[in-house]
PDB file of N, CA and C in Angstrom:
ATOM      1  N   MET A   1       2.691 -29.572 -51.485  1.00  0.00           N
ATOM      2  CA  MET A   1       2.731 -29.478 -52.932  1.00  0.00           C
ATOM      3  C   MET A   1       1.790 -28.346 -53.364  1.00  0.00           C
ATOM      4  N   ASN A   2       2.268 -27.472 -54.237  1.00  0.00           N
ATOM      5  CA  ASN A   2       1.436 -26.364 -54.697  1.00  0.00           C
ATOM      6  C   ASN A   2       0.748 -26.716 -56.022  1.00  0.00           C
ATOM      7  N   PHE A   3      -0.047 -25.797 -56.515  1.00  0.00           N
ATOM      8  CA  PHE A   3      -0.836 -26.038 -57.732  1.00  0.00           C
ATOM      9  C   PHE A   3       0.049 -26.384 -58.926  1.00  0.00           C
ATOM     10  N   ASP A   4       1.137 -25.646 -59.106  1.00  0.00           N
ATOM     11  CA  ASP A   4       2.032 -25.902 -60.240  1.00  0.00           C
ATOM     12  C   ASP A   4       2.590 -27.320 -60.195  1.00  0.00           C
ATOM     13  N   GLU A   5       3.021 -27.758 -59.020  1.00  0.00           N
ATOM     14  CA  GLU A   5       3.571 -29.104 -58.881  1.00  0.00           C
ATOM     15  C   GLU A   5       2.503 -30.165 -59.139  1.00  0.00           C
ATOM     16  N   LEU A   6       1.300 -29.923 -58.647  1.00  0.00           N
ATOM     17  CA  LEU A   6       0.201 -30.866 -58.891  1.00  0.00           C
ATOM     18  C   LEU A   6      -0.109 -30.962 -60.381  1.00  0.00           C
ATOM     19  N   ALA A   7      -0.179 -29.822 -61.044  1.00  0.00           N
ATOM     20  CA  ALA A   7      -0.511 -29.799 -62.464  1.00  0.00           C
ATOM     21  C   ALA A   7       0.557 -30.501 -63.297  1.00  0.00           C
ATOM     22  N   MET A   8       1.817 -30.286 -62.957  1.00  0.00           N
ATOM     23  CA  MET A   8       2.900 -30.882 -63.730  1.00  0.00           C
ATOM     24  C   MET A   8       3.055 -32.379 -63.462  1.00  0.00           C
ATOM     25  N   ASN A   9       2.579 -32.849 -62.310  1.00  0.00           N
ATOM     26  CA  ASN A   9       2.753 -34.249 -61.937  1.00  0.00           C
ATOM     27  C   ASN A   9       1.482 -35.084 -62.030  1.00  0.00           C
ATOM     28  N   MET A  10       0.428 -34.554 -62.627  1.00  0.00           N
ATOM     29  CA  MET A  10      -0.793 -35.352 -62.735  1.00  0.00           C
ATOM     30  C   MET A  10      -0.601 -36.488 -63.737  1.00  0.00           C
ATOM     31  N   THR A  11      -1.414 -37.506 -63.597  1.00  0.00           N
ATOM     32  CA  THR A  11      -1.302 -38.678 -64.467  1.00  0.00           C
ATOM     33  C   THR A  11      -1.945 -38.380 -65.827  1.00  0.00           C
ATOM     34  N   PRO A  12      -1.584 -39.131 -66.847  1.00  0.00           N
ATOM     35  CA  PRO A  12      -2.221 -38.957 -68.158  1.00  0.00           C
ATOM     36  C   PRO A  12      -3.743 -39.167 -68.094  1.00  0.00           C
ATOM     37  N   ASP A  13      -4.205 -40.058 -67.210  1.00  0.00           N
ATOM     38  CA  ASP A  13      -5.638 -40.292 -67.062  1.00  0.00           C
ATOM     39  C   ASP A  13      -6.346 -39.047 -66.523  1.00  0.00           C
ATOM     40  N   ILE A  14      -5.787 -38.432 -65.511  1.00  0.00           N
ATOM     41  CA  ILE A  14      -6.383 -37.213 -64.948  1.00  0.00           C
ATOM     42  C   ILE A  14      -6.358 -36.101 -65.991  1.00  0.00           C
ATOM     43  N   TYR A  15      -5.243 -35.993 -66.715  1.00  0.00           N
ATOM     44  CA  TYR A  15      -5.125 -34.993 -67.777  1.00  0.00           C
ATOM     45  C   TYR A  15      -6.246 -35.165 -68.802  1.00  0.00           C
ATOM     46  N   SER A  16      -6.463 -36.389 -69.263  1.00  0.00           N
ATOM     47  CA  SER A  16      -7.499 -36.610 -70.286  1.00  0.00           C
ATOM     48  C   SER A  16      -8.895 -36.357 -69.726  1.00  0.00           C
ATOM     49  N   ARG A  17      -9.119 -36.669 -68.456  1.00  0.00           N
ATOM     50  CA  ARG A  17     -10.433 -36.399 -67.840  1.00  0.00           C
ATOM     51  C   ARG A  17     -10.688 -34.896 -67.695  1.00  0.00           C
ATOM     52  N   LEU A  18      -9.660 -34.152 -67.300  1.00  0.00           N
ATOM     53  CA  LEU A  18      -9.812 -32.696 -67.194  1.00  0.00           C
ATOM     54  C   LEU A  18     -10.047 -32.082 -68.566  1.00  0.00           C
ATOM     55  N   ARG A  19      -9.314 -32.564 -69.544  1.00  0.00           N
ATOM     56  CA  ARG A  19      -9.460 -32.039 -70.904  1.00  0.00           C
ATOM     57  C   ARG A  19     -10.869 -32.320 -71.436  1.00  0.00           C
ATOM     58  N   GLU A  20     -11.376 -33.519 -71.195  1.00  0.00           N
ATOM     59  CA  GLU A  20     -12.731 -33.860 -71.629  1.00  0.00           C
ATOM     60  C   GLU A  20     -13.768 -32.998 -70.905  1.00  0.00           C
ATOM     61  N   ALA A  21     -13.563 -32.765 -69.612  1.00  0.00           N
ATOM     62  CA  ALA A  21     -14.497 -31.937 -68.846  1.00  0.00           C
ATOM     63  C   ALA A  21     -14.555 -30.521 -69.416  1.00  0.00           C
ATOM     64  N   VAL A  22     -13.402 -29.976 -69.782  1.00  0.00           N
ATOM     65  CA  VAL A  22     -13.368 -28.629 -70.356  1.00  0.00           C
ATOM     66  C   VAL A  22     -14.039 -28.625 -71.728  1.00  0.00           C
ATOM     67  N   GLU A  23     -13.769 -29.637 -72.547  1.00  0.00           N
ATOM     68  CA  GLU A  23     -14.358 -29.715 -73.887  1.00  0.00           C
ATOM     69  C   GLU A  23     -15.880 -29.795 -73.825  1.00  0.00           C
ATOM     70  N   LEU A  24     -16.390 -30.587 -72.872  1.00  0.00           N
ATOM     71  CA  LEU A  24     -17.833 -30.783 -72.766  1.00  0.00           C
ATOM     72  C   LEU A  24     -18.520 -29.743 -71.887  1.00  0.00           C
ATOM     73  N   GLY A  25     -17.728 -29.076 -71.029  1.00  0.00           N
ATOM     74  CA  GLY A  25     -18.301 -28.077 -70.130  1.00  0.00           C
ATOM     75  C   GLY A  25     -19.009 -28.686 -68.925  1.00  0.00           C
ATOM     76  N   ARG A  26     -18.707 -29.961 -68.667  1.00  0.00           N
ATOM     77  CA  ARG A  26     -19.337 -30.636 -67.528  1.00  0.00           C
ATOM     78  C   ARG A  26     -18.428 -31.740 -67.017  1.00  0.00           C
ATOM     79  N   TRP A  27     -18.666 -32.129 -65.764  1.00  0.00           N
ATOM     80  CA  TRP A  27     -17.953 -33.242 -65.149  1.00  0.00           C
ATOM     81  C   TRP A  27     -18.599 -34.553 -65.588  1.00  0.00           C
ATOM     82  N   PRO A  28     -17.928 -35.695 -65.370  1.00  0.00           N
ATOM     83  CA  PRO A  28     -18.535 -36.982 -65.725  1.00  0.00           C
ATOM     84  C   PRO A  28     -19.873 -37.237 -65.030  1.00  0.00           C
ATOM     85  N   THR A  29     -20.135 -36.527 -63.942  1.00  0.00           N
ATOM     86  CA  THR A  29     -21.411 -36.670 -63.219  1.00  0.00           C
ATOM     87  C   THR A  29     -22.520 -35.824 -63.838  1.00  0.00           C
ATOM     88  N   ASN A  30     -22.214 -35.140 -64.939  1.00  0.00           N
ATOM     89  CA  ASN A  30     -23.121 -34.222 -65.639  1.00  0.00           C
ATOM     90  C   ASN A  30     -23.277 -32.870 -64.959  1.00  0.00           C
ATOM     91  N   ALA A  31     -22.556 -32.629 -63.886  1.00  0.00           N
ATOM     92  CA  ALA A  31     -22.579 -31.316 -63.245  1.00  0.00           C
ATOM     93  C   ALA A  31     -21.767 -30.345 -64.102  1.00  0.00           C
ATOM     94  N   ALA A  32     -22.310 -29.164 -64.334  1.00  0.00           N
ATOM     95  CA  ALA A  32     -21.636 -28.164 -65.168  1.00  0.00           C
ATOM     96  C   ALA A  32     -20.407 -27.608 -64.456  1.00  0.00           C
ATOM     97  N   LEU A  33     -19.366 -27.332 -65.240  1.00  0.00           N
ATOM     98  CA  LEU A  33     -18.176 -26.675 -64.695  1.00  0.00           C
ATOM     99  C   LEU A  33     -18.498 -25.209 -64.455  1.00  0.00           C
ATOM    100  N   THR A  34     -18.056 -24.691 -63.321  1.00  0.00           N
ATOM    101  CA  THR A  34     -18.184 -23.260 -63.089  1.00  0.00           C
ATOM    102  C   THR A  34     -17.076 -22.566 -63.870  1.00  0.00           C
ATOM    103  N   LYS A  35     -17.190 -21.276 -64.009  1.00  0.00           N
ATOM    104  CA  LYS A  35     -16.162 -20.507 -64.728  1.00  0.00           C
ATOM    105  C   LYS A  35     -14.802 -20.688 -64.047  1.00  0.00           C
ATOM    106  N   GLU A  36     -14.793 -20.661 -62.720  1.00  0.00           N
ATOM    107  CA  GLU A  36     -13.538 -20.827 -61.976  1.00  0.00           C
ATOM    108  C   GLU A  36     -12.952 -22.226 -62.190  1.00  0.00           C
ATOM    109  N   GLN A  37     -13.803 -23.254 -62.178  1.00  0.00           N
ATOM    110  CA  GLN A  37     -13.332 -24.618 -62.407  1.00  0.00           C
ATOM    111  C   GLN A  37     -12.743 -24.762 -63.811  1.00  0.00           C
ATOM    112  N   LYS A  38     -13.416 -24.169 -64.788  1.00  0.00           N
ATOM    113  CA  LYS A  38     -12.929 -24.242 -66.161  1.00  0.00           C
ATOM    114  C   LYS A  38     -11.566 -23.564 -66.277  1.00  0.00           C
ATOM    115  N   ASN A  39     -11.413 -22.401 -65.659  1.00  0.00           N
ATOM    116  CA  ASN A  39     -10.141 -21.680 -65.696  1.00  0.00           C
ATOM    117  C   ASN A  39      -9.029 -22.486 -65.038  1.00  0.00           C
ATOM    118  N   LEU A  40      -9.314 -23.074 -63.869  1.00  0.00           N
ATOM    119  CA  LEU A  40      -8.309 -23.868 -63.170  1.00  0.00           C
ATOM    120  C   LEU A  40      -7.944 -25.123 -63.950  1.00  0.00           C
ATOM    121  N   CYS A  41      -8.937 -25.774 -64.539  1.00  0.00           N
ATOM    122  CA  CYS A  41      -8.673 -26.962 -65.360  1.00  0.00           C
ATOM    123  C   CYS A  41      -7.808 -26.612 -66.555  1.00  0.00           C
ATOM    124  N   LEU A  42      -8.134 -25.518 -67.237  1.00  0.00           N
ATOM    125  CA  LEU A  42      -7.341 -25.096 -68.393  1.00  0.00           C
ATOM    126  C   LEU A  42      -5.900 -24.788 -67.995  1.00  0.00           C
ATOM    127  N   GLU A  43      -5.740 -24.125 -66.866  1.00  0.00           N
ATOM    128  CA  GLU A  43      -4.394 -23.807 -66.395  1.00  0.00           C
ATOM    129  C   GLU A  43      -3.616 -25.090 -66.102  1.00  0.00           C
ATOM    130  N   ALA A  44      -4.257 -26.052 -65.445  1.00  0.00           N
ATOM    131  CA  ALA A  44      -3.605 -27.325 -65.136  1.00  0.00           C
ATOM    132  C   ALA A  44      -3.266 -28.090 -66.415  1.00  0.00           C
ATOM    133  N   ILE A  45      -4.192 -28.093 -67.370  1.00  0.00           N
ATOM    134  CA  ILE A  45      -3.976 -28.789 -68.639  1.00  0.00           C
ATOM    135  C   ILE A  45      -2.776 -28.199 -69.375  1.00  0.00           C
ATOM    136  N   ILE A  46      -2.707 -26.881 -69.445  1.00  0.00           N
ATOM    137  CA  ILE A  46      -1.614 -26.211 -70.158  1.00  0.00           C
ATOM    138  C   ILE A  46      -0.280 -26.477 -69.465  1.00  0.00           C
ATOM    139  N   LYS A  47      -0.260 -26.414 -68.128  1.00  0.00           N
ATOM    140  CA  LYS A  47       0.978 -26.691 -67.383  1.00  0.00           C
ATOM    141  C   LYS A  47       1.426 -28.136 -67.610  1.00  0.00           C
ATOM    142  N   TYR A  48       0.474 -29.058 -67.622  1.00  0.00           N
ATOM    143  CA  TYR A  48       0.791 -30.460 -67.875  1.00  0.00           C
ATOM    144  C   TYR A  48       1.392 -30.624 -69.274  1.00  0.00           C
ATOM    145  N   GLU A  49       0.761 -30.018 -70.262  1.00  0.00           N
ATOM    146  CA  GLU A  49       1.223 -30.152 -71.645  1.00  0.00           C
ATOM    147  C   GLU A  49       2.645 -29.621 -71.818  1.00  0.00           C
ATOM    148  N   VAL A  50       2.936 -28.500 -71.192  1.00  0.00           N
ATOM    149  CA  VAL A  50       4.268 -27.904 -71.308  1.00  0.00           C
ATOM    150  C   VAL A  50       5.305 -28.762 -70.578  1.00  0.00           C
ATOM    151  N   SER A  51       4.984 -29.200 -69.363  1.00  0.00           N
ATOM    152  CA  SER A  51       5.958 -29.955 -68.573  1.00  0.00           C
ATOM    153  C   SER A  51       6.167 -31.371 -69.093  1.00  0.00           C
ATOM    154  N   ASN A  52       5.214 -31.909 -69.853  1.00  0.00           N
ATOM    155  CA  ASN A  52       5.339 -33.264 -70.386  1.00  0.00           C
ATOM    156  C   ASN A  52       5.633 -33.287 -71.879  1.00  0.00           C
ATOM    157  N   ASP A  53       6.051 -32.165 -72.407  1.00  0.00           N
ATOM    158  CA  ASP A  53       6.454 -32.045 -73.816  1.00  0.00           C
ATOM    159  C   ASP A  53       5.428 -32.616 -74.793  1.00  0.00           C
ATOM    160  N   VAL A  54       4.161 -32.290 -74.553  1.00  0.00           N
ATOM    161  CA  VAL A  54       3.111 -32.669 -75.502  1.00  0.00           C
ATOM    162  C   VAL A  54       3.368 -31.881 -76.784  1.00  0.00           C
ATOM    163  N   PRO A  55       3.356 -32.536 -77.950  1.00  0.00           N
ATOM    164  CA  PRO A  55       3.614 -31.809 -79.204  1.00  0.00           C
ATOM    165  C   PRO A  55       2.671 -30.616 -79.364  1.00  0.00           C
ATOM    166  N   VAL A  56       3.199 -29.539 -79.870  1.00  0.00           N
ATOM    167  CA  VAL A  56       2.448 -28.289 -79.999  1.00  0.00           C
ATOM    168  C   VAL A  56       1.129 -28.519 -80.735  1.00  0.00           C
ATOM    169  N   GLU A  57       1.143 -29.349 -81.767  1.00  0.00           N
ATOM    170  CA  GLU A  57      -0.061 -29.591 -82.566  1.00  0.00           C
ATOM    171  C   GLU A  57      -1.163 -30.284 -81.772  1.00  0.00           C
ATOM    172  N   GLN A  58      -0.808 -30.931 -80.653  1.00  0.00           N
ATOM    173  CA  GLN A  58      -1.784 -31.658 -79.843  1.00  0.00           C
ATOM    174  C   GLN A  58      -2.199 -30.894 -78.595  1.00  0.00           C
ATOM    175  N   ARG A  59      -1.643 -29.720 -78.395  1.00  0.00           N
ATOM    176  CA  ARG A  59      -1.936 -28.955 -77.186  1.00  0.00           C
ATOM    177  C   ARG A  59      -3.290 -28.268 -77.271  1.00  0.00           C
ATOM    178  N   THR A  60      -3.843 -28.020 -76.100  1.00  0.00           N
ATOM    179  CA  THR A  60      -5.116 -27.332 -75.982  1.00  0.00           C
ATOM    180  C   THR A  60      -5.002 -25.932 -76.570  1.00  0.00           C
ATOM    181  N   GLY A  61      -5.961 -25.578 -77.423  1.00  0.00           N
ATOM    182  CA  GLY A  61      -5.989 -24.247 -78.007  1.00  0.00           C
ATOM    183  C   GLY A  61      -5.158 -24.080 -79.258  1.00  0.00           C
ATOM    184  N   TYR A  62      -4.509 -25.142 -79.718  1.00  0.00           N
ATOM    185  CA  TYR A  62      -3.677 -25.039 -80.915  1.00  0.00           C
ATOM    186  C   TYR A  62      -4.532 -24.750 -82.141  1.00  0.00           C
ATOM    187  N   VAL A  63      -4.115 -23.756 -82.915  1.00  0.00           N
ATOM    188  CA  VAL A  63      -4.789 -23.413 -84.161  1.00  0.00           C
ATOM    189  C   VAL A  63      -3.740 -23.484 -85.259  1.00  0.00           C
ATOM    190  N   PRO A  64      -3.902 -24.397 -86.210  1.00  0.00           N
ATOM    191  CA  PRO A  64      -2.905 -24.506 -87.273  1.00  0.00           C
ATOM    192  C   PRO A  64      -2.883 -23.257 -88.147  1.00  0.00           C
ATOM    193  N   GLN A  65      -1.704 -22.916 -88.606  1.00  0.00           N
ATOM    194  CA  GLN A  65      -1.548 -21.766 -89.480  1.00  0.00           C
ATOM    195  C   GLN A  65      -1.835 -22.210 -90.911  1.00  0.00           C
ATOM    196  N   ALA A  66      -2.779 -21.577 -91.562  1.00  0.00           N
ATOM    197  CA  ALA A  66      -3.122 -21.918 -92.941  1.00  0.00           C
ATOM    198  C   ALA A  66      -2.128 -21.251 -93.885  1.00  0.00           C
ATOM    199  N   CYS A  67      -1.765 -21.969 -94.884  1.00  0.00           N
ATOM    200  CA  CYS A  67      -0.896 -21.424 -95.922  1.00  0.00           C
ATOM    201  C   CYS A  67      -1.723 -20.437 -96.744  1.00  0.00           C
ATOM    202  N   LYS A  68      -1.149 -19.308 -97.090  1.00  0.00           N
ATOM    203  CA  LYS A  68      -1.898 -18.302 -97.838  1.00  0.00           C
ATOM    204  C   LYS A  68      -2.411 -18.841 -99.164  1.00  0.00           C
ATOM    205  N   SER A  69      -1.679 -19.781 -99.766  1.00  0.00           N
ATOM    206  CA  SER A  69      -2.136 -20.330-101.032  1.00  0.00           C
ATOM    207  C   SER A  69      -3.306 -21.296-100.844  1.00  0.00           C
ATOM    208  N   ASP A  70      -3.498 -21.783 -99.602  1.00  0.00           N
ATOM    209  CA  ASP A  70      -4.586 -22.711 -99.328  1.00  0.00           C
ATOM    210  C   ASP A  70      -5.888 -22.001 -98.968  1.00  0.00           C
ATOM    211  N   VAL A  71      -5.818 -20.725 -98.690  1.00  0.00           N
ATOM    212  CA  VAL A  71      -7.004 -19.981 -98.282  1.00  0.00           C
ATOM    213  C   VAL A  71      -7.908 -19.774 -99.494  1.00  0.00           C
ATOM    214  N   GLU A  72      -9.151 -20.147 -99.343  1.00  0.00           N
ATOM    215  CA  GLU A  72     -10.105 -20.008-100.450  1.00  0.00           C
ATOM    216  C   GLU A  72     -10.464 -18.537-100.623  1.00  0.00           C
ATOM    217  N   LYS A  73     -10.402 -18.088-101.829  1.00  0.00           N
ATOM    218  CA  LYS A  73     -10.764 -16.700-102.111  1.00  0.00           C
ATOM    219  C   LYS A  73     -12.258 -16.631-102.373  1.00  0.00           C
ATOM    220  N   ILE A  74     -12.913 -15.736-101.667  1.00  0.00           N
ATOM    221  CA  ILE A  74     -14.347 -15.561-101.818  1.00  0.00           C
ATOM    222  C   ILE A  74     -14.566 -14.283-102.620  1.00  0.00           C
ATOM    223  N   PRO A  75     -15.281 -14.394-103.740  1.00  0.00           N
ATOM    224  CA  PRO A  75     -15.496 -13.187-104.549  1.00  0.00           C
ATOM    225  C   PRO A  75     -16.330 -12.163-103.767  1.00  0.00           C
ATOM    226  N   SER A  76     -15.975 -10.913-103.933  1.00  0.00           N
ATOM    227  CA  SER A  76     -16.724  -9.865-103.252  1.00  0.00           C
ATOM    228  C   SER A  76     -17.889  -9.414-104.121  1.00  0.00           C
ATOM    229  N   VAL A  77     -18.920  -8.938-103.467  1.00  0.00           N
ATOM    230  CA  VAL A  77     -20.107  -8.455-104.165  1.00  0.00           C
ATOM    231  C   VAL A  77     -20.301  -7.002-103.778  1.00  0.00           C
ATOM    232  N   ASP A  78     -20.456  -6.148-104.772  1.00  0.00           N
ATOM    233  CA  ASP A  78     -20.659  -4.736-104.520  1.00  0.00           C
ATOM    234  C   ASP A  78     -22.165  -4.477-104.389  1.00  0.00           C
ATOM    235  N   VAL A  79     -22.621  -4.152-103.192  1.00  0.00           N
ATOM    236  CA  VAL A  79     -24.033  -3.911-102.945  1.00  0.00           C
ATOM    237  C   VAL A  79     -24.363  -2.417-102.881  1.00  0.00           C
ATOM    238  N   SER A  80     -23.371  -1.600-103.170  1.00  0.00           N
ATOM    239  CA  SER A  80     -23.599  -0.158-103.068  1.00  0.00           C
ATOM    240  C   SER A  80     -24.097   0.457-104.380  1.00  0.00           C
ATOM    241  N   GLN A  81     -24.388  -0.347-105.371  1.00  0.00           N
ATOM    242  CA  GLN A  81     -24.871   0.188-106.651  1.00  0.00           C
ATOM    243  C   GLN A  81     -26.289   0.712-106.486  1.00  0.00           C
ATOM    244  N   GLU A  82     -26.504   1.879-107.067  1.00  0.00           N
ATOM    245  CA  GLU A  82     -27.843   2.473-107.006  1.00  0.00           C
ATOM    246  C   GLU A  82     -28.674   1.971-108.178  1.00  0.00           C
ATOM    247  N   SER A  83     -29.920   1.719-107.936  1.00  0.00           N
ATOM    248  CA  SER A  83     -30.782   1.259-109.028  1.00  0.00           C
ATOM    249  C   SER A  83     -31.356   2.459-109.784  1.00  0.00           C
ATOM    250  N   ASP A  84     -31.714   2.256-111.058  1.00  0.00           N
ATOM    251  CA  ASP A  84     -32.273   3.329-111.896  1.00  0.00           C
ATOM    252  C   ASP A  84     -33.793   3.279-111.812  1.00  0.00           C
ATOM    253  N   THR A  85     -34.365   3.601-110.698  1.00  0.00           N
ATOM    254  CA  THR A  85     -35.814   3.541-110.564  1.00  0.00           C
ATOM    255  C   THR A  85     -36.468   4.838-110.895  1.00  0.00           C
TER     256      THR A  85
END
C-alpha cells in the first residue's frame, strides 16, 4: 500500500488526530511536529478529505468568501498634509 492509499483509507479517528496535531503543532505526547511531519500530515488530511467527500466548508484551509457588501469600509486618513509651522 502506498501513501495515497493509506491517506485515502485512514479512519475518521486517525484523520481527526492528524488534524489536531497540525492545528496544535504537536503530537499528543507534546512532541513538536517537524516541518516534514506537518507537510506529510497536511497532505494525508487533504487526500482524506477529497476521497471521503468532506464538505468544502469543513476542509482544511477553507477560507469563506466574504460578500463585498459585508466588508466593513474603513475610512482612510490622509497623513501627507504639511503643517503650517
